Protein backbone atom coordinates (compact mmCIF):
# COMPACT_ATOMS: atom_id res chain seq x y z
CA MET A 1 0.72 119.74 66.31
CA GLY A 2 2.17 116.84 68.28
CA PRO A 3 5.85 116.23 69.01
CA THR A 4 8.06 114.79 66.27
CA LEU A 5 11.56 113.34 66.14
CA ASN A 6 14.27 115.98 66.01
CA ALA A 7 16.13 115.25 62.79
CA GLU A 8 19.06 117.46 63.81
CA THR A 9 20.13 115.09 66.58
CA ALA A 10 22.33 111.99 66.52
CA ASP A 11 20.73 108.66 65.65
CA PRO A 12 20.84 106.26 68.60
CA GLN A 13 23.48 103.59 69.01
CA ILE A 14 22.48 100.41 70.85
CA GLU A 15 24.79 98.70 73.32
CA ILE A 16 23.59 95.51 75.01
CA PHE A 17 24.98 94.09 78.26
CA ASN A 18 24.29 90.94 80.25
CA ASP A 19 22.59 92.61 83.23
CA ARG A 20 21.97 95.87 85.04
CA ALA A 21 25.29 95.75 86.88
CA ALA A 22 27.14 95.58 83.56
CA VAL A 23 25.07 98.46 82.17
CA THR A 24 25.73 100.76 85.11
CA GLN A 25 29.42 99.82 85.29
CA ALA A 26 29.93 100.67 81.63
CA ILE A 27 28.14 104.02 81.90
CA ALA A 28 30.06 104.88 85.09
CA GLN A 29 33.40 104.17 83.44
CA ASN A 30 32.48 106.17 80.36
CA LEU A 31 31.21 109.07 82.46
CA LEU A 32 34.51 109.37 84.31
CA ARG A 33 36.43 109.17 81.04
CA VAL A 34 34.31 111.64 79.08
CA VAL A 35 34.07 114.25 81.85
CA THR A 36 37.85 114.10 82.25
CA GLU A 37 38.27 114.57 78.49
CA VAL A 38 35.80 117.45 78.44
CA LEU A 39 37.71 119.25 81.20
CA GLY A 40 40.85 118.90 79.11
CA GLU A 41 39.15 121.00 76.44
CA GLN A 42 37.03 123.49 78.39
CA GLU A 43 36.80 125.15 81.79
CA LEU A 44 33.65 123.44 83.11
CA ALA A 45 31.67 120.26 82.52
CA HIS A 46 27.91 119.96 82.94
CA VAL A 47 26.19 116.63 83.67
CA SER A 48 22.44 116.07 83.92
CA LEU A 49 21.33 113.26 86.22
CA THR A 50 18.30 111.01 86.28
CA GLY A 51 16.54 108.93 88.90
CA GLY A 52 15.16 105.41 88.79
CA GLY A 53 16.82 102.15 89.68
CA ALA A 54 19.37 102.09 86.88
CA GLY A 55 20.08 105.82 87.09
CA ILE A 56 20.90 105.73 90.79
CA ALA A 57 22.81 102.44 90.41
CA THR A 58 24.98 104.21 87.82
CA LEU A 59 25.90 106.87 90.38
CA GLU A 60 26.67 104.17 92.94
CA ALA A 61 28.94 102.54 90.37
CA VAL A 62 30.81 105.83 89.89
CA ALA A 63 31.34 106.08 93.65
CA ASP A 64 32.57 102.48 93.78
CA LEU A 65 35.09 103.11 91.00
CA LEU A 66 36.45 106.14 92.83
CA ARG A 67 36.60 104.38 96.18
CA ASP A 68 38.48 101.33 94.93
CA GLY A 69 40.82 103.35 92.77
CA SER A 70 39.89 101.63 89.51
CA GLY A 71 38.40 104.84 88.15
CA THR A 72 40.31 108.08 87.71
CA GLY A 73 38.11 111.00 88.63
CA PRO A 74 38.13 114.41 87.00
CA GLU A 75 38.65 117.67 88.86
CA TRP A 76 35.24 117.69 90.50
CA SER A 77 35.39 121.36 91.46
CA ARG A 78 34.89 122.07 87.75
CA VAL A 79 31.86 119.78 87.30
CA HIS A 80 28.27 120.98 87.65
CA PHE A 81 25.36 118.60 88.22
CA TRP A 82 21.80 119.18 87.03
CA TRP A 83 18.62 117.09 86.88
CA GLY A 84 16.33 116.06 84.07
CA ASP A 85 13.29 116.03 86.33
CA GLU A 86 12.20 116.03 89.94
CA ARG A 87 9.20 115.37 92.13
CA LEU A 88 7.88 118.47 93.87
CA LEU A 89 8.39 117.21 97.42
CA PRO A 90 10.03 118.53 100.61
CA ARG A 91 13.81 118.56 100.69
CA GLY A 92 15.25 115.26 101.88
CA GLU A 93 12.19 113.18 100.93
CA ALA A 94 13.26 109.69 99.88
CA ASP A 95 11.36 109.90 96.58
CA ARG A 96 13.29 112.95 95.39
CA ASN A 97 15.92 112.23 92.75
CA GLU A 98 18.21 114.70 94.51
CA THR A 99 18.01 112.77 97.79
CA GLN A 100 18.86 109.48 96.10
CA ALA A 101 21.69 110.99 94.04
CA ARG A 102 23.23 112.57 97.11
CA GLU A 103 23.19 109.26 98.95
CA ALA A 104 24.59 107.39 95.96
CA LEU A 105 27.38 109.78 94.93
CA LEU A 106 27.11 113.52 95.40
CA ASP A 107 27.60 113.74 99.17
CA TYR A 108 30.69 111.53 98.77
CA LEU A 109 32.07 113.87 96.10
CA VAL A 110 31.47 116.86 98.37
CA THR A 111 33.16 115.37 101.43
CA GLU A 112 35.98 113.44 99.74
CA HIS A 113 36.64 114.96 96.32
CA GLY A 114 36.11 118.71 96.66
CA LEU A 115 32.81 119.08 94.81
CA PRO A 116 31.37 122.45 95.89
CA GLU A 117 27.78 122.42 97.09
CA THR A 118 27.19 125.33 94.74
CA ASN A 119 27.87 122.98 91.81
CA ILE A 120 24.83 120.85 92.72
CA HIS A 121 21.83 122.43 91.03
CA ALA A 122 18.83 120.68 92.57
CA MET A 123 15.37 121.32 91.23
CA PRO A 124 13.03 123.19 93.59
CA THR A 125 11.37 121.56 96.57
CA SER A 126 7.72 121.86 97.52
CA GLU A 127 8.77 124.37 100.19
CA GLU A 128 10.23 126.57 97.46
CA ALA A 129 7.53 126.15 94.81
CA ALA A 130 3.88 125.48 95.50
CA HIS A 131 3.12 124.36 91.94
CA PRO A 132 5.07 122.76 89.07
CA ALA A 133 4.75 125.87 86.89
CA ALA A 134 6.46 127.93 89.59
CA GLY A 135 9.13 125.26 90.06
CA ALA A 136 9.78 125.12 86.33
CA LYS A 137 10.23 128.89 86.21
CA MET A 138 12.65 128.77 89.14
CA TYR A 139 14.77 126.05 87.54
CA ALA A 140 14.79 127.88 84.21
CA GLN A 141 16.23 130.87 86.07
CA GLU A 142 18.91 128.67 87.65
CA LEU A 143 19.84 127.25 84.25
CA GLU A 144 19.98 130.77 82.83
CA ARG A 145 22.33 131.84 85.62
CA CYS A 146 24.93 129.38 84.27
CA ALA A 147 24.24 129.95 80.58
CA PRO A 148 26.75 131.51 78.22
CA GLU A 149 25.95 134.96 76.89
CA GLY A 150 23.24 134.62 74.28
CA GLY A 151 22.35 131.10 75.38
CA ILE A 152 22.94 127.98 73.31
CA PRO A 153 21.32 126.92 70.03
CA GLY A 154 18.10 124.94 70.46
CA PRO A 155 15.69 123.36 67.99
CA HIS A 156 13.30 126.32 68.33
CA GLY A 157 15.70 129.17 69.05
CA ALA A 158 18.34 129.84 71.67
CA LEU A 159 17.87 128.41 75.16
CA ASN A 160 19.29 130.16 78.20
CA MET A 161 21.00 127.18 79.81
CA PRO A 162 24.47 125.67 79.99
CA GLU A 163 25.47 123.18 77.33
CA ILE A 164 25.08 119.75 78.92
CA ASP A 165 28.08 117.54 78.13
CA VAL A 166 26.42 114.30 79.26
CA MET A 167 22.71 113.82 79.94
CA LEU A 168 21.80 110.57 81.70
CA LEU A 169 18.27 109.32 81.15
CA GLY A 170 16.16 106.40 82.26
CA VAL A 171 13.19 105.04 80.35
CA GLY A 172 9.93 104.03 82.00
CA PRO A 173 7.89 100.96 81.04
CA ASP A 174 5.43 103.37 79.41
CA GLY A 175 8.23 104.92 77.35
CA HIS A 176 8.58 108.17 79.30
CA ILE A 177 11.84 110.04 79.88
CA ASN A 178 12.33 112.69 82.56
CA SER A 179 8.75 113.67 83.43
CA LEU A 180 7.72 113.73 79.78
CA PHE A 181 4.88 111.21 79.77
CA PRO A 182 2.89 109.77 76.85
CA GLY A 183 -0.02 111.92 75.76
CA LYS A 184 0.84 114.91 77.96
CA GLU A 185 0.92 118.57 76.85
CA SER A 186 4.50 118.86 78.13
CA LEU A 187 5.66 116.87 75.09
CA SER A 188 4.77 119.79 72.82
CA VAL A 189 6.39 122.58 74.86
CA VAL A 190 9.03 124.30 72.71
CA GLY A 191 11.31 127.29 73.02
CA GLN A 192 11.93 126.86 76.74
CA SER A 193 14.18 124.69 78.88
CA THR A 194 11.71 123.54 81.53
CA THR A 195 8.04 122.88 82.10
CA GLY A 196 5.79 121.66 84.87
CA GLU A 197 3.72 118.50 85.06
CA ASP A 198 0.89 118.40 87.61
CA ASP A 199 -0.64 115.07 86.63
CA ALA A 200 2.06 112.40 86.39
CA PRO A 201 0.64 108.85 86.28
CA GLN A 202 -0.56 107.79 89.72
CA ARG A 203 1.37 104.51 89.64
CA LEU A 204 4.63 106.50 89.50
CA GLY A 205 4.13 108.36 92.76
CA PRO A 206 3.69 112.08 93.42
CA PRO A 207 1.93 113.72 90.46
CA MET A 208 3.56 117.17 90.61
CA ARG A 209 6.89 117.35 88.77
CA VAL A 210 9.36 119.73 87.17
CA THR A 211 11.08 118.53 84.00
CA LEU A 212 13.44 119.54 81.24
CA THR A 213 11.74 119.80 77.86
CA PHE A 214 12.61 117.97 74.66
CA ASP A 215 14.28 121.17 73.47
CA ALA A 216 16.59 121.07 76.50
CA VAL A 217 17.35 117.37 75.95
CA HIS A 218 18.27 118.06 72.33
CA THR A 219 20.84 120.70 73.26
CA ALA A 220 22.90 118.12 75.18
CA LYS A 221 26.06 116.98 73.45
CA ARG A 222 25.59 113.38 74.57
CA VAL A 223 22.44 111.59 75.71
CA TRP A 224 22.97 108.20 77.36
CA THR A 225 20.08 106.03 78.50
CA ALA A 226 20.21 103.20 81.02
CA VAL A 227 17.42 100.74 80.29
CA THR A 228 17.22 97.56 82.35
CA GLY A 229 14.63 94.91 83.13
CA GLN A 230 12.07 92.95 81.15
CA ASP A 231 9.40 95.54 81.97
CA LYS A 232 11.26 97.98 79.67
CA ALA A 233 11.40 95.63 76.67
CA ASP A 234 8.15 96.83 75.11
CA ALA A 235 9.11 100.50 75.46
CA ALA A 236 12.51 99.80 73.90
CA VAL A 237 11.12 98.03 70.84
CA ARG A 238 8.49 100.75 70.32
CA ALA A 239 11.15 103.47 70.61
CA PHE A 240 13.10 101.82 67.80
CA ALA A 241 10.15 101.32 65.48
CA ALA A 242 10.65 102.52 61.91
CA GLU A 243 8.37 105.53 62.51
CA PRO A 244 7.84 105.85 66.25
CA ASP A 245 5.04 108.00 67.62
CA VAL A 246 6.75 110.37 70.05
CA SER A 247 3.46 111.24 71.71
CA GLU A 248 3.04 107.55 72.61
CA VAL A 249 6.70 106.70 73.32
CA PRO A 250 8.61 109.87 74.30
CA ALA A 251 11.84 107.87 74.71
CA ALA A 252 12.08 107.70 70.92
CA ASN A 253 13.02 111.39 71.09
CA ALA A 254 15.75 110.90 73.72
CA ARG A 255 18.52 112.15 71.48
CA GLY A 256 21.68 114.18 71.91
CA ARG A 257 23.17 116.68 69.49
CA HIS A 258 26.37 114.72 68.83
CA GLN A 259 25.82 111.30 70.41
CA THR A 260 22.91 109.14 71.52
CA VAL A 261 23.63 105.80 73.19
CA TRP A 262 21.07 103.36 74.56
CA HIS A 263 22.57 101.00 77.14
CA LEU A 264 20.29 97.99 77.61
CA ASP A 265 20.56 94.76 79.50
CA ARG A 266 19.49 91.56 77.75
CA ALA A 267 16.10 91.56 79.44
CA ALA A 268 15.25 95.05 78.16
CA ALA A 269 16.64 94.24 74.70
CA GLU A 270 14.90 90.89 74.27
CA GLN A 271 12.46 92.16 71.63
CA LEU A 272 15.08 93.97 69.55
CA ASN A 273 16.59 92.33 66.50
CA GLN A 274 20.07 93.09 67.83
CA ALA A 275 19.54 91.10 71.05
């Protein structure tokens, strides 16, 4: 049976901005606000990061807000960072999401704002895992290490992972999120937090990936997408079809438990009725 929309998650809200800079600025401001609010209610906050142009630009926008003083940062020592997916490459490779996120924000938080290195939970490198299945198992163990006793409720039983307060996602022109690509077996993996992908589309670079599953995405309290550029317009309109086919447009299933927000620039939203 193929993947279907999770009816227990929040229906998506659409917010449209003039351009990518406006999209990333808005998400950055909201991220600082929400993480600060979360830490007012609980001991730790967990944020899942994404790669891609808009995803990394969002992290750069957070750093800019902190540097110029227009954004009030939370107590970073209480924030943990995770990833939605990663390319199985050597540590420090430019194509790794971790490398780009460190350059955009995380290294700055470590050196200037007291973020402990132990709060950065990078997915395995190719030196640590020879194959995506091994990397997925390793990251599942890391998630479990920070999980509450008994795990957290998932669509197909408890998952041993922390509850993600904000999950940032990008959307590919083909409608993929994380490394959950159209037509792949990984779309139907249930009851576990991670899975491997050894055959990502060639046009997207290295084929071997580790990714969170749909089940893991659906445990997040808030899922926020950053979708920019005319090349994303077709994926966006297909994701918002009356009855989207998740196996063809995985982004349709990018949904959080309490909140789902799609942030689009006008180019990406041009085919939507709301644009």
